[in-house]
Amino acid sequence: MSDSIVIIPTYNEKENIEHIVRAVFGLEKPFHILIIDDGSPDGTAAIVRQLQQEFGERLFLVERSGKQGLGTAYICGFKWALERGYDFIFEMDADFSHNPADLPRLHAACVEQNADVAIGSRYIDGVNVVNWPLGRVLMSYFASVYVRCVTGMKIKDTTAGFKCYRRLALETIELEKIHFKGYAFQIEMKFTAYKCGFKLVEVPIVFVNRVLGTSKMNTSIFGEALFGVLRLKWQSFFRKYPVPHGKNAD
């Protein structure tokens, strides 16, 4: 039984899913994987079901009807993992933009640096993004600067989606109060953890743009983040955040 599970949301990832599963299971540290598939019409879930015959009780699948959004997929996965007693719960993309070899480094940040949330950061050590158009790099980088200024978080990569949570962090964050479904979900989760008094640690990674499959990113997703951050900050003045034992809220 592994104490760590990697949650991978999928929508039309048939080109990548088997490769990413095998890459994670090929690591020296044992991980379990939970795929949350939103009714991919390309047969992604069928590939996962076939892989389950090989990997037994290490690979799990939740199939949902239709595209319900990244945020709801992760919330579904978090609750699933908490119910089954995992201590370290990871977020990772299916398209190899997040390198599976970095999973043990995120885990080490939690164990060795006492992080409650370890963040795979593109911007903690310069700008480490490969094969993105310059416009998208600039948009992402300055989005993180904007979020940092508005929220007060001392995080260089506020929109990162490659993370490891300690169990206590997800148990404390009131998941039913996380409202964003798209790009801003990642910001909302970090901000809530920060307001709860948890320790967020950034781990430098290199982010590589997908080679296979189609990106789910679009300009409306950035718009949600732009205005969503202002709403998050405003609502934080009126909200009392839960503080776990031994933590002090900012």
Protein backbone atom coordinates (compact mmCIF):
# COMPACT_ATOMS: atom_id res chain seq x y z
CA MET A 1 0.00 0.00 0.00
CA SER A 2 1.44 3.35 -1.03
CA ASP A 3 0.91 6.46 1.10
CA SER A 4 0.90 8.61 -2.06
CA ILE A 5 -1.61 8.94 -4.88
CA VAL A 6 -1.35 10.95 -8.08
CA ILE A 7 -4.63 12.40 -9.38
CA ILE A 8 -4.69 12.90 -13.15
CA PRO A 9 -7.80 14.48 -14.73
CA THR A 10 -8.33 13.50 -18.36
CA TYR A 11 -10.34 14.61 -21.34
CA ASN A 12 -9.30 13.17 -24.71
CA GLU A 13 -5.82 12.02 -23.67
CA LYS A 14 -5.63 8.69 -25.54
CA GLU A 15 -2.21 9.62 -26.99
CA ASN A 16 -0.70 10.22 -23.55
CA ILE A 17 -2.52 8.20 -20.91
CA GLU A 18 -0.73 4.85 -21.18
CA HIS A 19 2.69 6.53 -21.36
CA ILE A 20 2.08 8.71 -18.30
CA VAL A 21 0.75 5.78 -16.25
CA ARG A 22 3.77 3.65 -17.10
CA ALA A 23 6.15 6.53 -16.37
CA VAL A 24 4.70 7.05 -12.87
CA PHE A 25 4.69 3.34 -12.09
CA GLY A 26 8.28 3.12 -13.34
CA LEU A 27 9.55 5.40 -10.56
CA GLU A 28 11.51 3.92 -7.67
CA LYS A 29 9.11 5.38 -5.11
CA PRO A 30 5.75 3.60 -5.25
CA PHE A 31 2.78 5.75 -6.22
CA HIS A 32 -0.85 4.92 -6.86
CA ILE A 33 -2.74 6.72 -9.64
CA LEU A 34 -6.33 7.91 -9.80
CA ILE A 35 -7.62 8.92 -13.24
CA ILE A 36 -10.67 11.20 -13.29
CA ASP A 37 -12.05 11.00 -16.81
CA ASP A 38 -14.80 13.36 -17.93
CA GLY A 39 -16.45 11.17 -20.53
CA SER A 40 -13.64 11.42 -23.10
CA PRO A 41 -15.15 10.55 -26.49
CA ASP A 42 -11.74 9.37 -27.73
CA GLY A 43 -11.74 6.28 -25.48
CA THR A 44 -9.26 7.41 -22.82
CA ALA A 45 -11.19 5.60 -20.08
CA ALA A 46 -11.20 2.34 -22.06
CA ILE A 47 -7.40 2.46 -22.23
CA VAL A 48 -7.25 2.98 -18.45
CA ARG A 49 -9.59 0.05 -17.85
CA GLN A 50 -7.31 -2.14 -19.94
CA LEU A 51 -4.26 -0.96 -17.96
CA GLN A 52 -6.07 -1.78 -14.70
CA GLN A 53 -5.87 -5.45 -15.64
CA GLU A 54 -2.08 -5.12 -15.59
CA PHE A 55 -1.60 -2.84 -12.60
CA GLY A 56 -4.28 -4.18 -10.28
CA GLU A 57 -4.76 -2.22 -7.06
CA ARG A 58 -2.38 0.58 -8.03
CA LEU A 59 -4.45 2.17 -10.80
CA PHE A 60 -7.94 3.55 -10.19
CA LEU A 61 -10.52 5.18 -12.46
CA VAL A 62 -13.49 7.45 -11.82
CA GLU A 63 -15.62 8.08 -14.89
CA ARG A 64 -17.83 11.15 -14.97
CA SER A 65 -20.44 12.10 -17.53
CA GLY A 66 -19.37 15.01 -19.69
CA LYS A 67 -16.82 17.77 -19.27
CA GLN A 68 -17.38 19.18 -15.76
CA GLY A 69 -14.21 21.20 -15.30
CA LEU A 70 -10.73 20.79 -13.86
CA GLY A 71 -11.65 22.04 -10.40
CA THR A 72 -14.54 19.64 -9.87
CA ALA A 73 -12.37 16.76 -11.14
CA TYR A 74 -9.71 17.48 -8.53
CA ILE A 75 -12.25 17.99 -5.73
CA CYS A 76 -13.75 14.62 -6.64
CA GLY A 77 -10.28 13.09 -6.56
CA PHE A 78 -9.32 14.73 -3.27
CA LYS A 79 -12.41 13.36 -1.54
CA TRP A 80 -11.81 9.91 -3.02
CA ALA A 81 -8.20 9.89 -1.79
CA LEU A 82 -9.04 11.20 1.68
CA GLU A 83 -11.69 8.52 2.14
CA ARG A 84 -9.07 5.88 1.38
CA GLY A 85 -6.42 7.16 3.78
CA TYR A 86 -3.66 8.50 1.53
CA ASP A 87 -1.19 10.82 3.28
CA PHE A 88 0.21 12.61 0.21
CA ILE A 89 -2.09 13.60 -2.63
CA PHE A 90 -0.69 14.90 -5.92
CA GLU A 91 -2.07 16.89 -8.86
CA MET A 92 -0.52 16.24 -12.26
CA ASP A 93 -1.39 16.73 -15.93
CA ALA A 94 -1.66 13.77 -18.29
CA ASP A 95 0.29 15.35 -21.16
CA PHE A 96 3.88 15.22 -19.79
CA SER A 97 4.02 18.98 -19.28
CA HIS A 98 4.70 17.85 -15.72
CA ASN A 99 7.62 15.42 -15.55
CA PRO A 100 6.72 12.31 -13.49
CA ALA A 101 10.35 12.18 -12.33
CA ASP A 102 9.64 15.32 -10.27
CA LEU A 103 6.99 13.56 -8.15
CA PRO A 104 9.55 12.29 -5.60
CA ARG A 105 10.97 15.83 -5.32
CA LEU A 106 7.55 17.21 -4.40
CA HIS A 107 7.12 14.41 -1.88
CA ALA A 108 10.57 15.19 -0.43
CA ALA A 109 9.60 18.85 0.02
CA CYS A 110 6.72 17.75 2.23
CA VAL A 111 8.76 15.21 4.19
CA GLU A 112 12.12 17.00 4.46
CA GLN A 113 11.09 20.68 4.36
CA ASN A 114 7.85 20.17 6.28
CA ALA A 115 5.76 21.64 3.47
CA ASP A 116 2.00 21.26 3.70
CA VAL A 117 1.70 22.06 0.00
CA ALA A 118 4.65 21.47 -2.36
CA ILE A 119 4.35 23.37 -5.64
CA GLY A 120 6.15 22.44 -8.84
CA SER A 121 7.22 25.95 -9.81
CA ARG A 122 8.06 27.21 -13.29
CA TYR A 123 9.17 30.63 -12.03
CA ILE A 124 11.01 30.13 -8.72
CA ASP A 125 14.31 29.83 -10.60
CA GLY A 126 13.94 32.06 -13.66
CA VAL A 127 11.40 31.10 -16.34
CA ASN A 128 11.54 27.34 -16.98
CA VAL A 129 9.00 26.78 -19.73
CA VAL A 130 9.80 24.87 -22.93
CA ASN A 131 7.98 25.13 -26.29
CA TRP A 132 5.40 27.72 -25.27
CA PRO A 133 4.78 30.70 -27.56
CA LEU A 134 6.32 33.84 -26.07
CA GLY A 135 2.90 35.45 -25.66
CA ARG A 136 1.66 32.57 -23.53
CA VAL A 137 4.82 32.58 -21.40
CA LEU A 138 4.42 36.31 -20.74
CA MET A 139 0.70 35.95 -20.00
CA SER A 140 1.31 33.13 -17.52
CA TYR A 141 4.27 34.84 -15.85
CA PHE A 142 2.54 38.18 -15.38
CA ALA A 143 -0.65 36.43 -14.27
CA SER A 144 1.38 34.99 -11.41
CA VAL A 145 2.83 38.42 -10.62
CA TYR A 146 -0.68 39.89 -10.60
CA VAL A 147 -2.01 37.15 -8.31
CA ARG A 148 0.94 37.62 -5.95
CA CYS A 149 0.30 41.37 -5.73
CA VAL A 150 -3.44 41.00 -5.11
CA THR A 151 -3.34 38.10 -2.66
CA GLY A 152 -0.12 38.78 -0.77
CA MET A 153 1.09 35.20 -1.25
CA LYS A 154 4.88 34.90 -1.49
CA ILE A 155 4.56 32.36 -4.30
CA LYS A 156 6.31 32.87 -7.66
CA ASP A 157 4.12 30.40 -9.59
CA THR A 158 0.63 31.06 -8.26
CA THR A 159 -1.12 29.31 -11.17
CA ALA A 160 0.92 26.07 -11.05
CA GLY A 161 -1.00 22.82 -11.38
CA PHE A 162 1.71 20.34 -10.33
CA LYS A 163 1.42 19.94 -6.57
CA CYS A 164 1.59 17.66 -3.56
CA TYR A 165 -0.75 18.17 -0.59
CA ARG A 166 -0.35 16.71 2.84
CA ARG A 167 -3.52 15.00 3.96
CA LEU A 168 -4.07 17.54 6.75
CA ALA A 169 -4.14 20.42 4.27
CA LEU A 170 -6.95 18.90 2.21
CA GLU A 171 -8.85 17.83 5.33
CA THR A 172 -8.70 21.40 6.67
CA ILE A 173 -9.50 23.29 3.46
CA GLU A 174 -13.28 23.38 3.16
CA LEU A 175 -13.46 21.75 -0.26
CA GLU A 176 -17.16 22.49 -0.62
CA LYS A 177 -16.28 26.22 -0.55
CA ILE A 178 -13.86 25.96 -3.49
CA HIS A 179 -15.88 27.40 -6.34
CA PHE A 180 -13.66 27.90 -9.39
CA LYS A 181 -13.67 25.15 -11.99
CA GLY A 182 -10.99 26.26 -14.45
CA TYR A 183 -7.62 27.98 -14.32
CA ALA A 184 -8.49 29.97 -11.19
CA PHE A 185 -9.06 26.75 -9.23
CA GLN A 186 -5.30 26.40 -8.78
CA ILE A 187 -5.08 29.93 -7.39
CA GLU A 188 -8.05 29.42 -5.06
CA MET A 189 -6.58 26.25 -3.58
CA LYS A 190 -3.21 27.89 -2.88
CA PHE A 191 -4.79 31.02 -1.45
CA THR A 192 -7.08 29.02 0.83
CA ALA A 193 -4.17 26.89 2.07
CA TYR A 194 -2.19 30.09 2.66
CA LYS A 195 -5.05 31.70 4.61
CA CYS A 196 -5.40 28.54 6.71
CA GLY A 197 -1.79 28.99 7.80
CA PHE A 198 -0.25 26.12 5.88
CA LYS A 199 3.36 26.13 4.69
CA LEU A 200 3.67 26.38 0.89
CA VAL A 201 7.06 25.44 -0.61
CA GLU A 202 8.03 25.86 -4.26
CA VAL A 203 10.16 23.20 -5.97
CA PRO A 204 11.79 24.28 -9.26
CA ILE A 205 10.64 22.28 -12.28
CA VAL A 206 10.88 22.56 -16.05
CA PHE A 207 7.44 22.77 -17.69
CA VAL A 208 7.31 21.32 -21.21
CA ASN A 209 4.40 22.11 -23.51
CA ARG A 210 2.45 19.06 -24.63
CA VAL A 211 3.64 17.24 -27.74
CA LEU A 212 0.60 14.99 -28.26
CA GLY A 213 -3.09 15.82 -27.93
CA THR A 214 -4.82 19.19 -27.75
CA SER A 215 -4.34 21.89 -25.13
CA LYS A 216 -7.40 22.79 -23.03
CA MET A 217 -6.13 26.36 -22.42
CA ASN A 218 -7.98 29.37 -23.81
CA THR A 219 -8.27 33.11 -23.15
CA SER A 220 -11.56 32.80 -21.22
CA ILE A 221 -9.71 30.70 -18.65
CA PHE A 222 -7.31 33.59 -18.05
CA GLY A 223 -10.28 35.94 -17.76
CA GLU A 224 -11.74 33.80 -14.99
CA ALA A 225 -8.45 34.06 -13.12
CA LEU A 226 -8.16 37.83 -13.63
CA PHE A 227 -11.49 38.69 -12.05
CA GLY A 228 -11.65 35.65 -9.80
CA VAL A 229 -8.56 36.75 -7.88
CA LEU A 230 -10.17 40.08 -7.01
CA ARG A 231 -13.25 38.24 -5.79
CA LEU A 232 -11.17 35.83 -3.72
CA LYS A 233 -9.34 38.68 -2.02
CA TRP A 234 -12.53 40.62 -1.35
CA GLN A 235 -14.33 37.61 0.11
CA SER A 236 -11.35 36.80 2.31
CA PHE A 237 -12.03 39.94 4.36
CA PHE A 238 -15.36 38.48 5.48
CA ARG A 239 -14.49 34.79 5.75
CA LYS A 240 -13.08 32.95 8.76
CA TYR A 241 -10.65 30.29 7.58
CA PRO A 242 -10.23 27.05 9.54
CA VAL A 243 -6.90 26.81 11.36
CA PRO A 244 -5.58 23.30 12.03
CA HIS A 245 -3.94 22.47 15.33
CA GLY A 246 -0.41 23.88 15.54
CA LYS A 247 -0.86 26.32 12.67
CA ASN A 248 -1.21 30.09 12.85
CA ALA A 249 -3.21 31.90 10.20
CA ASP A 250 -1.68 34.99 8.60
